[in-house]
Amino acid sequence: MAKKLYVGGLPYSTTEDALKEYFAQAGSVDTATIIIDKMSGRSKGFGFVEMTTDEEAQKAVEQFNGVEFEGRKLTVNEARPMEPRAPRRDGGFNRGGGFGGGQRRNNW
């Protein structure tokens, strides 16, 4: 069964292909995903690599955790399950600031 790894400390210029190729040194990589900021479209500096077996995942952690990759030191460990987030205080809508406006009137 595949094992998902968290990979932190990625250079912002790293591509998913480069990440997959790098981790292939430890074994078969199913997927490599870099997390992208929705607003800027840039990398957030971390991602996930899914190794084919638990043994390959453990080898990747031992081989790459704390090692420099493209000028930055990586943090590699087993990914934890995503925890539910608290609901947003604004109900999911951005209601802050902006320009005031008059009431909209129906001209019927």
PDB file of N, CA and C in Angstrom:
ATOM      1  N   MET A   1       0.839  -1.183   0.000  1.00  0.00           N
ATOM      2  CA  MET A   1       0.000   0.000   0.000  1.00  0.00           C
ATOM      3  C   MET A   1       0.884   1.247   0.000  1.00  0.00           C
ATOM      4  N   ALA A   2       0.457   2.267  -0.716  1.00  0.00           N
ATOM      5  CA  ALA A   2       1.243   3.496  -0.848  1.00  0.00           C
ATOM      6  C   ALA A   2       1.283   4.268   0.468  1.00  0.00           C
ATOM      7  N   LYS A   3       2.380   4.983   0.678  1.00  0.00           N
ATOM      8  CA  LYS A   3       2.566   5.772   1.891  1.00  0.00           C
ATOM      9  C   LYS A   3       2.853   7.207   1.481  1.00  0.00           C
ATOM     10  N   LYS A   4       2.081   8.136   2.041  1.00  0.00           N
ATOM     11  CA  LYS A   4       2.232   9.549   1.711  1.00  0.00           C
ATOM     12  C   LYS A   4       3.220  10.211   2.658  1.00  0.00           C
ATOM     13  N   LEU A   5       4.146  10.979   2.077  1.00  0.00           N
ATOM     14  CA  LEU A   5       5.149  11.697   2.856  1.00  0.00           C
ATOM     15  C   LEU A   5       4.952  13.200   2.705  1.00  0.00           C
ATOM     16  N   TYR A   6       5.147  13.916   3.795  1.00  0.00           N
ATOM     17  CA  TYR A   6       5.178  15.377   3.775  1.00  0.00           C
ATOM     18  C   TYR A   6       6.600  15.791   3.451  1.00  0.00           C
ATOM     19  N   VAL A   7       6.754  16.758   2.540  1.00  0.00           N
ATOM     20  CA  VAL A   7       8.073  17.273   2.191  1.00  0.00           C
ATOM     21  C   VAL A   7       8.036  18.791   2.353  1.00  0.00           C
ATOM     22  N   GLY A   8       8.734  19.295   3.372  1.00  0.00           N
ATOM     23  CA  GLY A   8       8.784  20.730   3.636  1.00  0.00           C
ATOM     24  C   GLY A   8      10.152  21.298   3.289  1.00  0.00           C
ATOM     25  N   GLY A   9      10.211  22.614   3.179  1.00  0.00           N
ATOM     26  CA  GLY A   9      11.467  23.291   2.880  1.00  0.00           C
ATOM     27  C   GLY A   9      11.811  23.279   1.404  1.00  0.00           C
ATOM     28  N   LEU A  10      10.812  23.066   0.555  1.00  0.00           N
ATOM     29  CA  LEU A  10      11.081  23.028  -0.888  1.00  0.00           C
ATOM     30  C   LEU A  10      11.385  24.420  -1.423  1.00  0.00           C
ATOM     31  N   PRO A  11      12.340  24.521  -2.329  1.00  0.00           N
ATOM     32  CA  PRO A  11      12.559  25.801  -2.998  1.00  0.00           C
ATOM     33  C   PRO A  11      11.301  26.154  -3.801  1.00  0.00           C
ATOM     34  N   TYR A  12      10.974  27.421  -3.876  1.00  0.00           N
ATOM     35  CA  TYR A  12       9.755  27.850  -4.562  1.00  0.00           C
ATOM     36  C   TYR A  12       9.795  27.551  -6.053  1.00  0.00           C
ATOM     37  N   SER A  13      10.991  27.350  -6.591  1.00  0.00           N
ATOM     38  CA  SER A  13      11.134  27.095  -8.027  1.00  0.00           C
ATOM     39  C   SER A  13      11.052  25.610  -8.388  1.00  0.00           C
ATOM     40  N   THR A  14      10.970  24.730  -7.400  1.00  0.00           N
ATOM     41  CA  THR A  14      10.938  23.289  -7.659  1.00  0.00           C
ATOM     42  C   THR A  14       9.664  22.898  -8.394  1.00  0.00           C
ATOM     43  N   THR A  15       9.813  21.974  -9.348  1.00  0.00           N
ATOM     44  CA  THR A  15       8.654  21.453 -10.078  1.00  0.00           C
ATOM     45  C   THR A  15       8.278  20.078  -9.524  1.00  0.00           C
ATOM     46  N   GLU A  16       7.061  19.662  -9.814  1.00  0.00           N
ATOM     47  CA  GLU A  16       6.621  18.343  -9.373  1.00  0.00           C
ATOM     48  C   GLU A  16       7.450  17.249 -10.040  1.00  0.00           C
ATOM     49  N   ASP A  17       7.836  17.462 -11.300  1.00  0.00           N
ATOM     50  CA  ASP A  17       8.672  16.472 -11.994  1.00  0.00           C
ATOM     51  C   ASP A  17      10.035  16.335 -11.320  1.00  0.00           C
ATOM     52  N   ALA A  18      10.638  17.464 -10.927  1.00  0.00           N
ATOM     53  CA  ALA A  18      11.945  17.427 -10.260  1.00  0.00           C
ATOM     54  C   ALA A  18      11.832  16.721  -8.907  1.00  0.00           C
ATOM     55  N   LEU A  19      10.748  16.981  -8.196  1.00  0.00           N
ATOM     56  CA  LEU A  19      10.533  16.343  -6.890  1.00  0.00           C
ATOM     57  C   LEU A  19      10.362  14.836  -7.059  1.00  0.00           C
ATOM     58  N   LYS A  20       9.573  14.437  -8.046  1.00  0.00           N
ATOM     59  CA  LYS A  20       9.342  13.011  -8.303  1.00  0.00           C
ATOM     60  C   LYS A  20      10.651  12.316  -8.690  1.00  0.00           C
ATOM     61  N   GLU A  21      11.427  12.959  -9.542  1.00  0.00           N
ATOM     62  CA  GLU A  21      12.701  12.392  -9.980  1.00  0.00           C
ATOM     63  C   GLU A  21      13.677  12.233  -8.806  1.00  0.00           C
ATOM     64  N   TYR A  22      13.712  13.239  -7.931  1.00  0.00           N
ATOM     65  CA  TYR A  22      14.609  13.202  -6.778  1.00  0.00           C
ATOM     66  C   TYR A  22      14.242  12.051  -5.843  1.00  0.00           C
ATOM     67  N   PHE A  23      12.952  11.904  -5.537  1.00  0.00           N
ATOM     68  CA  PHE A  23      12.517  10.860  -4.608  1.00  0.00           C
ATOM     69  C   PHE A  23      12.574   9.471  -5.225  1.00  0.00           C
ATOM     70  N   ALA A  24      12.648   9.381  -6.533  1.00  0.00           N
ATOM     71  CA  ALA A  24      12.772   8.082  -7.204  1.00  0.00           C
ATOM     72  C   ALA A  24      14.081   7.392  -6.838  1.00  0.00           C
ATOM     73  N   GLN A  25      15.043   8.146  -6.297  1.00  0.00           N
ATOM     74  CA  GLN A  25      16.295   7.539  -5.832  1.00  0.00           C
ATOM     75  C   GLN A  25      16.041   6.555  -4.683  1.00  0.00           C
ATOM     76  N   ALA A  26      14.923   6.744  -3.973  1.00  0.00           N
ATOM     77  CA  ALA A  26      14.603   5.882  -2.832  1.00  0.00           C
ATOM     78  C   ALA A  26      13.644   4.757  -3.213  1.00  0.00           C
ATOM     79  N   GLY A  27      13.057   4.818  -4.405  1.00  0.00           N
ATOM     80  CA  GLY A  27      12.106   3.785  -4.823  1.00  0.00           C
ATOM     81  C   GLY A  27      11.065   4.343  -5.773  1.00  0.00           C
ATOM     82  N   SER A  28      10.014   3.577  -5.983  1.00  0.00           N
ATOM     83  CA  SER A  28       8.954   3.968  -6.916  1.00  0.00           C
ATOM     84  C   SER A  28       8.066   5.052  -6.311  1.00  0.00           C
ATOM     85  N   VAL A  29       7.879   6.123  -7.077  1.00  0.00           N
ATOM     86  CA  VAL A  29       7.048   7.242  -6.641  1.00  0.00           C
ATOM     87  C   VAL A  29       5.729   7.193  -7.407  1.00  0.00           C
ATOM     88  N   ASP A  30       4.612   7.133  -6.682  1.00  0.00           N
ATOM     89  CA  ASP A  30       3.303   7.157  -7.333  1.00  0.00           C
ATOM     90  C   ASP A  30       2.937   8.566  -7.762  1.00  0.00           C
ATOM     91  N   THR A  31       3.043   9.520  -6.823  1.00  0.00           N
ATOM     92  CA  THR A  31       2.712  10.910  -7.132  1.00  0.00           C
ATOM     93  C   THR A  31       3.638  11.850  -6.378  1.00  0.00           C
ATOM     94  N   ALA A  32       3.808  13.023  -6.944  1.00  0.00           N
ATOM     95  CA  ALA A  32       4.534  14.109  -6.278  1.00  0.00           C
ATOM     96  C   ALA A  32       3.722  15.372  -6.527  1.00  0.00           C
ATOM     97  N   THR A  33       3.320  16.034  -5.450  1.00  0.00           N
ATOM     98  CA  THR A  33       2.456  17.206  -5.553  1.00  0.00           C
ATOM     99  C   THR A  33       3.056  18.351  -4.759  1.00  0.00           C
ATOM    100  N   ILE A  34       3.147  19.505  -5.371  1.00  0.00           N
ATOM    101  CA  ILE A  34       3.590  20.712  -4.682  1.00  0.00           C
ATOM    102  C   ILE A  34       2.352  21.564  -4.420  1.00  0.00           C
ATOM    103  N   ILE A  35       2.212  22.051  -3.207  1.00  0.00           N
ATOM    104  CA  ILE A  35       1.044  22.852  -2.827  1.00  0.00           C
ATOM    105  C   ILE A  35       1.259  24.290  -3.308  1.00  0.00           C
ATOM    106  N   ILE A  36       0.249  24.797  -4.006  1.00  0.00           N
ATOM    107  CA  ILE A  36       0.306  26.122  -4.628  1.00  0.00           C
ATOM    108  C   ILE A  36      -0.648  27.074  -3.909  1.00  0.00           C
ATOM    109  N   ASP A  37      -0.193  28.294  -3.657  1.00  0.00           N
ATOM    110  CA  ASP A  37      -1.031  29.334  -3.061  1.00  0.00           C
ATOM    111  C   ASP A  37      -2.072  29.769  -4.088  1.00  0.00           C
ATOM    112  N   LYS A  38      -3.334  29.765  -3.704  1.00  0.00           N
ATOM    113  CA  LYS A  38      -4.421  30.109  -4.627  1.00  0.00           C
ATOM    114  C   LYS A  38      -4.351  31.547  -5.109  1.00  0.00           C
ATOM    115  N   MET A  39      -3.948  32.443  -4.231  1.00  0.00           N
ATOM    116  CA  MET A  39      -3.942  33.867  -4.584  1.00  0.00           C
ATOM    117  C   MET A  39      -2.777  34.242  -5.500  1.00  0.00           C
ATOM    118  N   SER A  40      -1.578  33.776  -5.169  1.00  0.00           N
ATOM    119  CA  SER A  40      -0.400  34.189  -5.930  1.00  0.00           C
ATOM    120  C   SER A  40      -0.030  33.219  -7.049  1.00  0.00           C
ATOM    121  N   GLY A  41      -0.494  31.971  -6.950  1.00  0.00           N
ATOM    122  CA  GLY A  41      -0.136  30.968  -7.939  1.00  0.00           C
ATOM    123  C   GLY A  41       1.274  30.420  -7.744  1.00  0.00           C
ATOM    124  N   ARG A  42       1.925  30.799  -6.640  1.00  0.00           N
ATOM    125  CA  ARG A  42       3.288  30.344  -6.347  1.00  0.00           C
ATOM    126  C   ARG A  42       3.262  29.178  -5.372  1.00  0.00           C
ATOM    127  N   SER A  43       4.359  28.434  -5.371  1.00  0.00           N
ATOM    128  CA  SER A  43       4.526  27.329  -4.442  1.00  0.00           C
ATOM    129  C   SER A  43       4.506  27.856  -3.009  1.00  0.00           C
ATOM    130  N   LYS A  44       3.949  27.055  -2.100  1.00  0.00           N
ATOM    131  CA  LYS A  44       3.985  27.402  -0.676  1.00  0.00           C
ATOM    132  C   LYS A  44       5.230  26.850  -0.002  1.00  0.00           C
ATOM    133  N   GLY A  45       6.073  26.138  -0.762  1.00  0.00           N
ATOM    134  CA  GLY A  45       7.318  25.625  -0.207  1.00  0.00           C
ATOM    135  C   GLY A  45       7.196  24.262   0.450  1.00  0.00           C
ATOM    136  N   PHE A  46       6.063  23.580   0.218  1.00  0.00           N
ATOM    137  CA  PHE A  46       5.935  22.220   0.724  1.00  0.00           C
ATOM    138  C   PHE A  46       5.058  21.415  -0.221  1.00  0.00           C
ATOM    139  N   GLY A  47       5.103  20.119  -0.041  1.00  0.00           N
ATOM    140  CA  GLY A  47       4.311  19.252  -0.897  1.00  0.00           C
ATOM    141  C   GLY A  47       4.228  17.857  -0.311  1.00  0.00           C
ATOM    142  N   PHE A  48       3.762  16.931  -1.137  1.00  0.00           N
ATOM    143  CA  PHE A  48       3.583  15.550  -0.712  1.00  0.00           C
ATOM    144  C   PHE A  48       4.098  14.614  -1.790  1.00  0.00           C
ATOM    145  N   VAL A  49       4.738  13.543  -1.350  1.00  0.00           N
ATOM    146  CA  VAL A  49       5.221  12.503  -2.257  1.00  0.00           C
ATOM    147  C   VAL A  49       4.606  11.196  -1.776  1.00  0.00           C
ATOM    148  N   GLU A  50       4.035  10.454  -2.707  1.00  0.00           N
ATOM    149  CA  GLU A  50       3.443   9.169  -2.360  1.00  0.00           C
ATOM    150  C   GLU A  50       4.328   8.068  -2.925  1.00  0.00           C
ATOM    151  N   MET A  51       4.917   7.301  -2.021  1.00  0.00           N
ATOM    152  CA  MET A  51       5.784   6.192  -2.396  1.00  0.00           C
ATOM    153  C   MET A  51       4.942   4.923  -2.522  1.00  0.00           C
ATOM    154  N   THR A  52       5.386   3.992  -3.364  1.00  0.00           N
ATOM    155  CA  THR A  52       4.610   2.788  -3.640  1.00  0.00           C
ATOM    156  C   THR A  52       4.487   1.859  -2.435  1.00  0.00           C
ATOM    157  N   THR A  53       5.554   1.713  -1.660  1.00  0.00           N
ATOM    158  CA  THR A  53       5.503   0.802  -0.499  1.00  0.00           C
ATOM    159  C   THR A  53       5.943   1.526   0.775  1.00  0.00           C
ATOM    160  N   ASP A  54       5.587   0.941   1.899  1.00  0.00           N
ATOM    161  CA  ASP A  54       6.002   1.481   3.196  1.00  0.00           C
ATOM    162  C   ASP A  54       7.516   1.470   3.334  1.00  0.00           C
ATOM    163  N   GLU A  55       8.147   0.422   2.822  1.00  0.00           N
ATOM    164  CA  GLU A  55       9.604   0.301   2.922  1.00  0.00           C
ATOM    165  C   GLU A  55      10.297   1.422   2.143  1.00  0.00           C
ATOM    166  N   GLU A  56       9.801   1.705   0.938  1.00  0.00           N
ATOM    167  CA  GLU A  56      10.380   2.784   0.133  1.00  0.00           C
ATOM    168  C   GLU A  56      10.157   4.135   0.793  1.00  0.00           C
ATOM    169  N   ALA A  57       8.999   4.300   1.417  1.00  0.00           N
ATOM    170  CA  ALA A  57       8.704   5.550   2.116  1.00  0.00           C
ATOM    171  C   ALA A  57       9.672   5.743   3.283  1.00  0.00           C
ATOM    172  N   GLN A  58       9.905   4.689   4.049  1.00  0.00           N
ATOM    173  CA  GLN A  58      10.828   4.772   5.180  1.00  0.00           C
ATOM    174  C   GLN A  58      12.246   5.075   4.698  1.00  0.00           C
ATOM    175  N   LYS A  59      12.629   4.453   3.594  1.00  0.00           N
ATOM    176  CA  LYS A  59      13.952   4.711   3.014  1.00  0.00           C
ATOM    177  C   LYS A  59      14.073   6.181   2.590  1.00  0.00           C
ATOM    178  N   ALA A  60      13.003   6.731   1.999  1.00  0.00           N
ATOM    179  CA  ALA A  60      13.007   8.127   1.560  1.00  0.00           C
ATOM    180  C   ALA A  60      13.142   9.079   2.748  1.00  0.00           C
ATOM    181  N   VAL A  61      12.445   8.789   3.844  1.00  0.00           N
ATOM    182  CA  VAL A  61      12.547   9.623   5.050  1.00  0.00           C
ATOM    183  C   VAL A  61      13.990   9.605   5.554  1.00  0.00           C
ATOM    184  N   GLU A  62      14.561   8.430   5.666  1.00  0.00           N
ATOM    185  CA  GLU A  62      15.937   8.299   6.164  1.00  0.00           C
ATOM    186  C   GLU A  62      16.949   8.959   5.229  1.00  0.00           C
ATOM    187  N   GLN A  63      16.697   8.846   3.929  1.00  0.00           N
ATOM    188  CA  GLN A  63      17.643   9.344   2.930  1.00  0.00           C
ATOM    189  C   GLN A  63      17.571  10.853   2.718  1.00  0.00           C
ATOM    190  N   PHE A  64      16.370  11.453   2.843  1.00  0.00           N
ATOM    191  CA  PHE A  64      16.208  12.849   2.453  1.00  0.00           C
ATOM    192  C   PHE A  64      15.908  13.831   3.585  1.00  0.00           C
ATOM    193  N   ASN A  65      15.461  13.360   4.751  1.00  0.00           N
ATOM    194  CA  ASN A  65      15.160  14.286   5.841  1.00  0.00           C
ATOM    195  C   ASN A  65      16.441  14.982   6.302  1.00  0.00           C
ATOM    196  N   GLY A  66      16.429  16.309   6.286  1.00  0.00           N
ATOM    197  CA  GLY A  66      17.582  17.086   6.718  1.00  0.00           C
ATOM    198  C   GLY A  66      18.632  17.293   5.640  1.00  0.00           C
ATOM    199  N   VAL A  67      18.380  16.765   4.447  1.00  0.00           N
ATOM    200  CA  VAL A  67      19.338  16.860   3.346  1.00  0.00           C
ATOM    201  C   VAL A  67      19.015  18.087   2.484  1.00  0.00           C
ATOM    202  N   GLU A  68      20.056  18.712   1.946  1.00  0.00           N
ATOM    203  CA  GLU A  68      19.872  19.883   1.099  1.00  0.00           C
ATOM    204  C   GLU A  68      19.413  19.466  -0.300  1.00  0.00           C
ATOM    205  N   PHE A  69      18.384  20.163  -0.795  1.00  0.00           N
ATOM    206  CA  PHE A  69      17.827  19.936  -2.131  1.00  0.00           C
ATOM    207  C   PHE A  69      17.655  21.292  -2.794  1.00  0.00           C
ATOM    208  N   GLU A  70      18.355  21.506  -3.891  1.00  0.00           N
ATOM    209  CA  GLU A  70      18.300  22.771  -4.627  1.00  0.00           C
ATOM    210  C   GLU A  70      18.524  23.976  -3.705  1.00  0.00           C
ATOM    211  N   GLY A  71      19.461  23.819  -2.773  1.00  0.00           N
ATOM    212  CA  GLY A  71      19.851  24.932  -1.908  1.00  0.00           C
ATOM    213  C   GLY A  71      19.068  25.083  -0.619  1.00  0.00           C
ATOM    214  N   ARG A  72      18.090  24.211  -0.362  1.00  0.00           N
ATOM    215  CA  ARG A  72      17.315  24.299   0.885  1.00  0.00           C
ATOM    216  C   ARG A  72      17.285  22.954   1.579  1.00  0.00           C
ATOM    217  N   LYS A  73      17.249  22.984   2.913  1.00  0.00           N
ATOM    218  CA  LYS A  73      17.220  21.751   3.699  1.00  0.00           C
ATOM    219  C   LYS A  73      15.783  21.237   3.788  1.00  0.00           C
ATOM    220  N   LEU A  74      15.604  19.973   3.405  1.00  0.00           N
ATOM    221  CA  LEU A  74      14.278  19.366   3.400  1.00  0.00           C
ATOM    222  C   LEU A  74      13.876  18.826   4.771  1.00  0.00           C
ATOM    223  N   THR A  75      12.573  18.859   5.017  1.00  0.00           N
ATOM    224  CA  THR A  75      11.967  18.155   6.140  1.00  0.00           C
ATOM    225  C   THR A  75      11.084  17.094   5.518  1.00  0.00           C
ATOM    226  N   VAL A  76      11.366  15.838   5.797  1.00  0.00           N
ATOM    227  CA  VAL A  76      10.596  14.738   5.205  1.00  0.00           C
ATOM    228  C   VAL A  76      10.122  13.830   6.331  1.00  0.00           C
ATOM    229  N   ASN A  77       8.812  13.617   6.399  1.00  0.00           N
ATOM    230  CA  ASN A  77       8.264  12.676   7.371  1.00  0.00           C
ATOM    231  C   ASN A  77       6.927  12.161   6.877  1.00  0.00           C
ATOM    232  N   GLU A  78       6.400  11.180   7.578  1.00  0.00           N
ATOM    233  CA  GLU A  78       5.111  10.606   7.191  1.00  0.00           C
ATOM    234  C   GLU A  78       4.033  11.673   7.330  1.00  0.00           C
ATOM    235  N   ALA A  79       3.221  11.803   6.291  1.00  0.00           N
ATOM    236  CA  ALA A  79       2.150  12.802   6.315  1.00  0.00           C
ATOM    237  C   ALA A  79       1.073  12.386   7.303  1.00  0.00           C
ATOM    238  N   ARG A  80       0.590  13.359   8.062  1.00  0.00           N
ATOM    239  CA  ARG A  80      -0.516  13.099   8.985  1.00  0.00           C
ATOM    240  C   ARG A  80      -1.828  13.322   8.244  1.00  0.00           C
ATOM    241  N   PRO A  81      -2.889  12.650   8.661  1.00  0.00           N
ATOM    242  CA  PRO A  81      -4.189  12.884   8.035  1.00  0.00           C
ATOM    243  C   PRO A  81      -4.613  14.339   8.228  1.00  0.00           C
ATOM    244  N   MET A  82      -5.304  14.877   7.232  1.00  0.00           N
ATOM    245  CA  MET A  82      -5.753  16.258   7.314  1.00  0.00           C
ATOM    246  C   MET A  82      -6.789  16.396   8.422  1.00  0.00           C
ATOM    247  N   GLU A  83      -6.602  17.387   9.281  1.00  0.00           N
ATOM    248  CA  GLU A  83      -7.538  17.607  10.375  1.00  0.00           C
ATOM    249  C   GLU A  83      -8.607  18.584   9.923  1.00  0.00           C
ATOM    250  N   PRO A  84      -9.836  18.406  10.413  1.00  0.00           N
ATOM    251  CA  PRO A  84     -10.890  19.352  10.037  1.00  0.00           C
ATOM    252  C   PRO A  84     -10.554  20.752  10.542  1.00  0.00           C
ATOM    253  N   ARG A  85     -10.853  21.722   9.730  1.00  0.00           N
ATOM    254  CA  ARG A  85     -10.573  23.111  10.111  1.00  0.00           C
ATOM    255  C   ARG A  85     -11.787  23.732  10.788  1.00  0.00           C
ATOM    256  N   ALA A  86     -11.512  24.686  11.649  1.00  0.00           N
ATOM    257  CA  ALA A  86     -12.601  25.425  12.293  1.00  0.00           C
ATOM    258  C   ALA A  86     -13.290  26.282  11.237  1.00  0.00           C
ATOM    259  N   PRO A  87     -14.594  26.465  11.369  1.00  0.00           N
ATOM    260  CA  PRO A  87     -15.291  27.298  10.384  1.00  0.00           C
ATOM    261  C   PRO A  87     -14.784  28.736  10.435  1.00  0.00           C
ATOM    262  N   ARG A  88     -14.821  29.383   9.290  1.00  0.00           N
ATOM    263  CA  ARG A  88     -14.372  30.769   9.227  1.00  0.00           C
ATOM    264  C   ARG A  88     -15.346  31.664   9.967  1.00  0.00           C
ATOM    265  N   ARG A  89     -14.821  32.683  10.594  1.00  0.00           N
ATOM    266  CA  ARG A  89     -15.660  33.599  11.367  1.00  0.00           C
ATOM    267  C   ARG A  89     -16.580  34.435  10.484  1.00  0.00           C
ATOM    268  N   ASP A  90     -16.136  34.692   9.264  1.00  0.00           N
ATOM    269  CA  ASP A  90     -16.952  35.535   8.399  1.00  0.00           C
ATOM    270  C   ASP A  90     -17.939  34.717   7.566  1.00  0.00           C
ATOM    271  N   GLY A  91     -18.130  33.441   7.906  1.00  0.00           N
ATOM    272  CA  GLY A  91     -19.086  32.610   7.195  1.00  0.00           C
ATOM    273  C   GLY A  91     -18.614  32.217   5.801  1.00  0.00           C
ATOM    274  N   GLY A  92     -17.336  32.429   5.516  1.00  0.00           N
ATOM    275  CA  GLY A  92     -16.819  32.068   4.209  1.00  0.00           C
ATOM    276  C   GLY A  92     -16.837  33.207   3.217  1.00  0.00           C
ATOM    277  N   PHE A  93     -17.371  34.323   3.625  1.00  0.00           N
ATOM    278  CA  PHE A  93     -17.439  35.472   2.729  1.00  0.00           C
ATOM    279  C   PHE A  93     -16.505  36.560   3.215  1.00  0.00           C
ATOM    280  N   ASN A  94     -15.920  37.274   2.303  1.00  0.00           N
ATOM    281  CA  ASN A  94     -15.067  38.395   2.670  1.00  0.00           C
ATOM    282  C   ASN A  94     -15.971  39.619   2.777  1.00  0.00           C
ATOM    283  N   ARG A  95     -16.233  40.033   3.996  1.00  0.00           N
ATOM    284  CA  ARG A  95     -17.141  41.159   4.205  1.00  0.00           C
ATOM    285  C   ARG A  95     -16.417  42.389   4.717  1.00  0.00           C
ATOM    286  N   GLY A  96     -15.123  42.376   4.594  1.00  0.00           N
ATOM    287  CA  GLY A  96     -14.361  43.481   5.142  1.00  0.00           C
ATOM    288  C   GLY A  96     -14.275  44.659   4.198  1.00  0.00           C
ATOM    289  N   GLY A  97     -14.241  45.850   4.758  1.00  0.00           N
ATOM    290  CA  GLY A  97     -13.948  47.096   4.062  1.00  0.00           C
ATOM    291  C   GLY A  97     -14.595  47.259   2.706  1.00  0.00           C
ATOM    292  N   GLY A  98     -14.015  48.144   1.926  1.00  0.00           N
ATOM    293  CA  GLY A  98     -14.521  48.363   0.582  1.00  0.00           C
ATOM    294  C   GLY A  98     -15.275  49.669   0.497  1.00  0.00           C
ATOM    295  N   PHE A  99     -15.876  49.865  -0.602  1.00  0.00           N
ATOM    296  CA  PHE A  99     -16.615  51.102  -0.842  1.00  0.00           C
ATOM    297  C   PHE A  99     -18.067  50.919  -0.447  1.00  0.00           C
ATOM    298  N   GLY A 100     -18.620  51.948   0.161  1.00  0.00           N
ATOM    299  CA  GLY A 100     -20.026  51.906   0.524  1.00  0.00           C
ATOM    300  C   GLY A 100     -20.876  52.098  -0.725  1.00  0.00           C
ATOM    301  N   GLY A 101     -22.092  51.793  -0.608  1.00  0.00           N
ATOM    302  CA  GLY A 101     -22.980  51.972  -1.762  1.00  0.00           C
ATOM    303  C   GLY A 101     -24.378  52.229  -1.282  1.00  0.00           C
ATOM    304  N   GLY A 102     -25.152  52.807  -2.117  1.00  0.00           N
ATOM    305  CA  GLY A 102     -26.546  53.061  -1.776  1.00  0.00           C
ATOM    306  C   GLY A 102     -27.345  51.799  -1.908  1.00  0.00           C
ATOM    307  N   GLN A 103     -28.602  51.907  -1.553  1.00  0.00           N
ATOM    308  CA  GLN A 103     -29.489  50.757  -1.681  1.00  0.00           C
ATOM    309  C   GLN A 103     -29.846  50.588  -3.144  1.00  0.00           C
ATOM    310  N   ARG A 104     -30.019  49.371  -3.524  1.00  0.00           N
ATOM    311  CA  ARG A 104     -30.437  49.077  -4.867  1.00  0.00           C
ATOM    312  C   ARG A 104     -31.961  49.180  -4.914  1.00  0.00           C
ATOM    313  N   ARG A 105     -32.438  49.882  -5.910  1.00  0.00           N
ATOM    314  CA  ARG A 105     -33.883  50.047  -6.007  1.00  0.00           C
ATOM    315  C   ARG A 105     -34.408  49.408  -7.273  1.00  0.00           C
ATOM    316  N   ASN A 106     -35.528  48.786  -7.138  1.00  0.00           N
ATOM    317  CA  ASN A 106     -36.170  48.204  -8.294  1.00  0.00           C
ATOM    318  C   ASN A 106     -36.944  49.298  -9.037  1.00  0.00           C
ATOM    319  N   ASN A 107     -36.747  49.364 -10.312  1.00  0.00           N
ATOM    320  CA  ASN A 107     -37.466  50.362 -11.115  1.00  0.00           C
ATOM    321  C   ASN A 107     -38.563  49.666 -11.905  1.00  0.00           C
ATOM    322  N   TRP A 108     -39.569  49.189 -11.198  1.00  0.00           N
ATOM    323  CA  TRP A 108     -40.651  48.479 -11.875  1.00  0.00           C
ATOM    324  C   TRP A 108     -41.829  49.363 -11.982  1.00  0.00           C
TER     325      TRP A 108
END
